[in-house]
């Protein structure tokens, strides 16, 4: 029997306020994940509406399909990166949509599954691919990239100020033997940052957290895919349509902010969020995942 996964969609009320889902609308959830946002959107558009969900992870799609299958309305799921949104819409026979949502966070089952290699807290292969059938695992990158490339990735994608020390230690260690497991990398980072494993386990922010984040983003080309979504978004939204993007990393938020501002200045968008929307104090207390979330939105005229 499949264990039920408890899932709390981040900033649900704020997403609904921005997208204003209504009967008959066509809405895309670009990161359908476990179906938390999608199920709420579907319940509001089900009378004549249509939900289109995307996710690169087949495991997430299976969970989302189970969640949505008990609901009415028209919906479909596609295994695809949101960078290919126009292709998915063409396949679905849709030109423009009324709402687009992208929640850029990682789903908890991905982190909790040790075999996926996302977690520094569990031993497993150093993989981190959202789609395990495509691309190169993190182990290939950490054993191939130069010290300079590793340093840049840790600084730019992980905001890791100890990036140079960590990169140097990775290069030194892999000369002796390849780095192939999450525990290999976690131990190297802790050593580079002068953390004992016991002290690291009790830290509020694990010393390897930013390194693992940076590698995950690198493996899955997350910033490049986000930029592609931002580039194609204006051509996918119908007049009066809206998009909401929830980011968890400063680099992601900068890309979204700049793209939305350019769209407003050029007349592509009629309205954008002046400042990012953040979770309420009550939500941050109830759902720790929401603490670093920032929601930015746009609307077409």
Protein backbone atom coordinates (compact mmCIF):
# COMPACT_ATOMS: atom_id res chain seq x y z
CA UNK A 1 0.00 0.00 0.00
CA UNK A 2 1.35 3.43 -0.96
CA UNK A 3 2.05 5.64 2.02
CA UNK A 4 -0.02 8.80 1.90
CA UNK A 5 2.18 11.86 1.59
CA UNK A 6 1.09 14.89 3.58
CA UNK A 7 1.46 17.97 1.46
CA UNK A 8 0.75 21.60 2.28
CA UNK A 9 0.80 23.86 -0.80
CA UNK A 10 2.77 27.04 -0.15
CA UNK A 11 0.86 30.36 -0.09
CA UNK A 12 -2.31 28.79 -1.46
CA UNK A 13 -4.57 31.71 -0.55
CA UNK A 14 -2.18 34.17 -2.17
CA UNK A 15 -1.92 32.07 -5.35
CA UNK A 16 -5.71 31.88 -5.64
CA UNK A 17 -6.01 35.64 -5.09
CA UNK A 18 -3.59 36.29 -7.95
CA UNK A 19 -4.85 33.73 -10.48
CA UNK A 20 -8.55 34.24 -9.70
CA UNK A 21 -9.54 30.80 -11.04
CA UNK A 22 -13.12 30.69 -12.27
CA UNK A 23 -15.45 28.30 -14.02
CA UNK A 24 -14.42 27.77 -17.65
CA UNK A 25 -10.83 28.99 -17.24
CA UNK A 26 -7.78 27.16 -18.58
CA UNK A 27 -5.03 27.04 -15.98
CA UNK A 28 -1.54 25.54 -16.09
CA UNK A 29 0.32 24.28 -13.03
CA UNK A 30 3.89 24.16 -14.35
CA UNK A 31 5.17 22.25 -11.31
CA UNK A 32 2.24 20.07 -10.37
CA UNK A 33 4.24 18.18 -7.75
CA UNK A 34 1.88 16.34 -5.42
CA UNK A 35 -1.18 18.17 -6.71
CA UNK A 36 -1.76 20.50 -3.76
CA UNK A 37 -2.17 23.72 -5.72
CA UNK A 38 -3.58 21.87 -8.73
CA UNK A 39 -6.44 20.27 -6.83
CA UNK A 40 -7.54 23.62 -5.42
CA UNK A 41 -7.34 25.26 -8.83
CA UNK A 42 -9.28 22.43 -10.44
CA UNK A 43 -12.06 22.64 -7.87
CA UNK A 44 -12.62 26.28 -8.87
CA UNK A 45 -12.54 25.88 -12.67
CA UNK A 46 -14.16 22.47 -12.99
CA UNK A 47 -17.39 23.72 -14.59
CA UNK A 48 -16.20 23.98 -18.18
CA UNK A 49 -12.58 24.69 -17.24
CA UNK A 50 -9.40 22.75 -17.86
CA UNK A 51 -6.30 22.13 -15.77
CA UNK A 52 -2.99 21.26 -17.44
CA UNK A 53 -0.27 19.99 -15.13
CA UNK A 54 3.45 19.59 -15.85
CA UNK A 55 6.24 17.92 -13.92
CA UNK A 56 9.56 16.40 -14.95
CA UNK A 57 9.37 13.78 -12.21
CA UNK A 58 7.23 10.74 -13.05
CA UNK A 59 6.88 9.90 -9.34
CA UNK A 60 5.34 13.30 -8.67
CA UNK A 61 2.95 12.83 -11.58
CA UNK A 62 1.79 9.52 -10.17
CA UNK A 63 1.02 11.12 -6.82
CA UNK A 64 -0.71 14.08 -8.44
CA UNK A 65 -2.77 11.77 -10.65
CA UNK A 66 -3.98 9.88 -7.58
CA UNK A 67 -4.96 13.13 -5.89
CA UNK A 68 -6.81 14.55 -8.89
CA UNK A 69 -8.52 11.33 -9.95
CA UNK A 70 -11.22 11.66 -7.31
CA UNK A 71 -12.22 15.10 -8.52
CA UNK A 72 -14.51 16.21 -11.28
CA UNK A 73 -13.55 18.49 -14.12
CA UNK A 74 -11.19 18.20 -17.05
CA UNK A 75 -7.49 17.78 -16.38
CA UNK A 76 -4.39 16.28 -17.93
CA UNK A 77 -0.81 15.73 -16.83
CA UNK A 78 2.37 15.88 -18.92
CA UNK A 79 5.87 14.75 -18.04
CA UNK A 80 7.75 17.83 -19.16
CA UNK A 81 9.91 20.65 -17.94
CA UNK A 82 8.11 23.99 -17.87
CA UNK A 83 10.73 25.35 -20.27
CA UNK A 84 8.78 23.44 -22.93
CA UNK A 85 5.43 25.04 -22.01
CA UNK A 86 4.60 26.13 -25.58
CA UNK A 87 5.18 22.57 -26.82
CA UNK A 88 2.90 21.15 -24.12
CA UNK A 89 0.17 23.66 -24.92
CA UNK A 90 0.42 22.89 -28.63
CA UNK A 91 0.10 19.19 -27.86
CA UNK A 92 -2.97 19.95 -25.75
CA UNK A 93 -4.48 22.02 -28.56
CA UNK A 94 -4.35 25.21 -26.51
CA UNK A 95 -2.95 28.52 -27.73
CA UNK A 96 -3.25 30.74 -24.64
CA UNK A 97 -4.31 30.17 -21.05
CA UNK A 98 -5.91 32.20 -18.28
CA UNK A 99 -3.49 31.33 -15.50
CA UNK A 100 -0.01 29.93 -15.00
CA UNK A 101 1.54 28.81 -11.72
CA UNK A 102 5.11 27.69 -11.07
CA UNK A 103 6.20 26.62 -7.57
CA UNK A 104 9.97 26.22 -7.87
CA UNK A 105 10.44 24.27 -4.64
CA UNK A 106 11.42 20.60 -4.37
CA UNK A 107 8.69 18.15 -3.37
CA UNK A 108 9.22 16.43 -0.02
CA UNK A 109 9.04 12.86 -1.43
CA UNK A 110 12.02 13.67 -3.65
CA UNK A 111 14.06 14.70 -0.62
CA UNK A 112 12.80 11.87 1.57
CA UNK A 113 13.68 9.16 -0.98
CA UNK A 114 17.33 8.38 -0.25
CA UNK A 115 17.77 6.69 -3.63
CA UNK A 116 17.21 10.05 -5.38
CA UNK A 117 20.29 11.58 -3.77
CA UNK A 118 18.83 14.97 -2.85
CA UNK A 119 19.35 14.74 0.91
CA UNK A 120 22.49 15.33 2.91
CA UNK A 121 20.77 13.67 5.87
CA UNK A 122 20.37 10.25 4.27
CA UNK A 123 22.96 7.97 2.64
CA UNK A 124 22.35 7.36 -1.04
CA UNK A 125 23.82 7.77 -4.52
CA UNK A 126 24.75 11.35 -5.35
CA UNK A 127 22.20 11.79 -8.13
CA UNK A 128 19.77 14.77 -7.69
CA UNK A 129 18.13 14.49 -11.11
CA UNK A 130 14.46 15.50 -11.15
CA UNK A 131 14.05 13.13 -14.08
CA UNK A 132 16.33 10.16 -13.28
CA UNK A 133 16.29 9.04 -16.92
CA UNK A 134 17.88 12.20 -18.31
CA UNK A 135 21.02 14.22 -17.81
CA UNK A 136 24.05 13.59 -15.65
CA UNK A 137 23.90 12.88 -11.91
CA UNK A 138 25.58 15.21 -9.42
CA UNK A 139 28.37 12.68 -8.86
CA UNK A 140 29.55 13.16 -12.45
CA UNK A 141 29.66 16.94 -12.05
CA UNK A 142 31.52 17.03 -8.72
CA UNK A 143 34.15 14.65 -10.08
CA UNK A 144 34.58 16.51 -13.38
CA UNK A 145 34.21 20.24 -12.77
CA UNK A 146 37.25 22.40 -12.13
CA UNK A 147 37.84 24.07 -8.78
CA UNK A 148 36.92 27.43 -10.33
CA UNK A 149 33.68 26.07 -11.80
CA UNK A 150 32.68 24.49 -8.50
CA UNK A 151 33.43 27.70 -6.62
CA UNK A 152 31.31 29.75 -9.02
CA UNK A 153 28.39 27.32 -8.80
CA UNK A 154 28.44 27.29 -5.01
CA UNK A 155 28.54 31.07 -4.82
CA UNK A 156 25.95 31.80 -7.52
CA UNK A 157 23.50 28.94 -6.95
CA UNK A 158 23.94 28.28 -3.26
CA UNK A 159 24.96 31.68 -1.86
CA UNK A 160 27.72 29.68 -0.20
CA UNK A 161 30.40 32.10 1.00
CA UNK A 162 32.65 29.16 1.90
CA UNK A 163 32.47 28.02 -1.73
CA UNK A 164 36.23 28.35 -2.41
CA UNK A 165 37.14 26.21 0.59
CA UNK A 166 34.55 23.58 -0.25
CA UNK A 167 35.57 23.44 -3.92
CA UNK A 168 39.23 23.07 -2.96
CA UNK A 169 38.44 20.23 -0.57
CA UNK A 170 36.29 18.45 -3.18
CA UNK A 171 39.13 18.55 -5.72
CA UNK A 172 41.64 17.32 -3.16
CA UNK A 173 39.43 14.45 -2.03
CA UNK A 174 38.47 13.20 -5.49
CA UNK A 175 42.15 12.74 -6.35
CA UNK A 176 42.14 9.91 -3.84
CA UNK A 177 38.79 8.37 -4.76
CA UNK A 178 35.63 9.43 -6.64
CA UNK A 179 32.85 11.17 -4.73
CA UNK A 180 29.81 8.95 -5.35
CA UNK A 181 27.43 9.19 -2.38
CA UNK A 182 25.56 11.90 -0.53
CA UNK A 183 27.50 11.01 2.60
CA UNK A 184 30.81 11.41 0.75
CA UNK A 185 29.92 14.97 -0.22
CA UNK A 186 28.31 15.85 3.09
CA UNK A 187 31.43 14.78 5.02
CA UNK A 188 33.70 16.78 2.70
CA UNK A 189 31.62 19.94 3.13
CA UNK A 190 31.51 19.56 6.90
CA UNK A 191 35.27 19.11 7.01
CA UNK A 192 35.84 22.14 4.77
CA UNK A 193 33.62 24.27 7.01
CA UNK A 194 35.09 22.92 10.28
CA UNK A 195 31.92 21.15 11.40
CA UNK A 196 31.94 17.82 13.19
CA UNK A 197 29.18 15.50 12.00
CA UNK A 198 27.47 15.75 15.40
CA UNK A 199 27.56 19.53 15.39
CA UNK A 200 26.33 19.59 11.79
CA UNK A 201 23.36 17.36 12.61
CA UNK A 202 22.21 19.79 15.30
CA UNK A 203 22.73 22.98 13.32
CA UNK A 204 19.70 25.12 12.45
CA UNK A 205 20.94 25.23 8.85
CA UNK A 206 22.99 22.16 7.99
CA UNK A 207 26.46 23.18 6.73
CA UNK A 208 25.93 21.15 3.54
CA UNK A 209 22.49 22.60 2.74
CA UNK A 210 23.69 25.32 0.38
CA UNK A 211 26.14 23.02 -1.40
CA UNK A 212 23.42 20.45 -2.06
CA UNK A 213 21.06 23.18 -3.25
CA UNK A 214 23.66 24.53 -5.67
CA UNK A 215 24.39 21.10 -7.14
CA UNK A 216 20.69 20.28 -7.49
CA UNK A 217 20.10 23.52 -9.37
CA UNK A 218 23.13 22.86 -11.56
CA UNK A 219 22.20 19.25 -12.33
CA UNK A 220 18.67 20.21 -13.34
CA UNK A 221 19.61 23.47 -15.09
CA UNK A 222 17.02 25.21 -13.01
CA UNK A 223 17.96 28.83 -13.71
CA UNK A 224 18.19 28.23 -17.46
CA UNK A 225 14.82 26.50 -17.53
CA UNK A 226 13.27 29.29 -15.46
CA UNK A 227 14.64 31.91 -17.84
CA UNK A 228 13.11 30.02 -20.76
CA UNK A 229 9.73 29.94 -19.00
CA UNK A 230 9.92 33.68 -18.37
CA UNK A 231 10.78 34.27 -22.05
CA UNK A 232 7.80 32.30 -23.41
CA UNK A 233 5.27 33.27 -20.73
CA UNK A 234 3.88 36.41 -22.47
CA UNK A 235 2.98 34.36 -25.55
CA UNK A 236 1.14 31.78 -23.44
CA UNK A 237 -1.12 34.12 -21.44
CA UNK A 238 -4.51 35.24 -22.74
CA UNK A 239 -5.63 38.87 -22.30
CA UNK A 240 -6.56 39.32 -18.65
CA UNK A 241 -4.55 36.22 -17.74
CA UNK A 242 -2.18 36.08 -14.79
CA UNK A 243 0.93 34.18 -13.77
CA UNK A 244 2.32 33.49 -10.31
CA UNK A 245 5.83 32.21 -9.64
CA UNK A 246 6.99 31.07 -6.20
CA UNK A 247 10.76 31.00 -5.76
CA UNK A 248 12.97 29.89 -2.89
CA UNK A 249 16.37 31.18 -4.00
CA UNK A 250 17.67 34.71 -4.47
CA UNK A 251 18.92 33.97 -8.00
CA UNK A 252 15.50 32.70 -9.05
CA UNK A 253 13.77 35.70 -7.53
CA UNK A 254 16.10 38.10 -9.36
CA UNK A 255 15.35 36.47 -12.72
CA UNK A 256 11.60 36.68 -12.12
CA UNK A 257 11.74 40.27 -10.88
CA UNK A 258 13.77 41.48 -13.86
CA UNK A 259 11.67 39.63 -16.46
CA UNK A 260 8.41 40.91 -15.02
CA UNK A 261 9.73 44.46 -14.85
CA UNK A 262 10.89 44.33 -18.47
CA UNK A 263 7.48 43.01 -19.47
CA UNK A 264 5.73 45.88 -17.70
CA UNK A 265 8.06 48.49 -19.20
CA UNK A 266 7.53 47.12 -22.70
CA UNK A 267 3.76 46.91 -22.34
CA UNK A 268 3.59 43.11 -22.42
CA UNK A 269 2.13 43.10 -18.90
CA UNK A 270 -0.39 45.55 -17.55
CA UNK A 271 0.37 44.95 -13.88
CA UNK A 272 3.05 43.27 -11.75
CA UNK A 273 3.72 42.73 -8.07
CA UNK A 274 5.49 45.76 -6.66
CA UNK A 275 7.12 43.68 -3.96
CA UNK A 276 7.26 39.89 -3.54
CA UNK A 277 4.45 38.35 -1.56
CA UNK A 278 5.65 36.32 1.43
CA UNK A 279 3.89 33.80 3.63
CA UNK A 280 1.99 35.01 6.66
CA UNK A 281 3.47 34.53 10.09
CA UNK A 282 0.88 31.83 10.79
CA UNK A 283 1.81 29.90 7.64
CA UNK A 284 5.53 30.16 8.35
CA UNK A 285 4.92 28.67 11.79
CA UNK A 286 2.73 25.86 10.42
CA UNK A 287 4.78 25.11 7.30
CA UNK A 288 8.54 25.73 7.58
CA UNK A 289 8.92 25.23 3.82
CA UNK A 290 7.16 28.55 3.28
CA UNK A 291 9.68 30.63 5.21
CA UNK A 292 11.96 31.39 2.28
CA UNK A 293 9.21 31.51 -0.36
CA UNK A 294 8.64 34.63 -2.46
CA UNK A 295 5.70 34.97 -4.82
CA UNK A 296 5.79 37.40 -7.73
CA UNK A 297 2.94 37.82 -10.18
CA UNK A 298 2.00 39.50 -13.45
CA UNK A 299 -1.22 40.20 -15.31
CA UNK A 300 -1.85 40.80 -18.98
CA UNK A 301 -4.02 43.71 -20.09
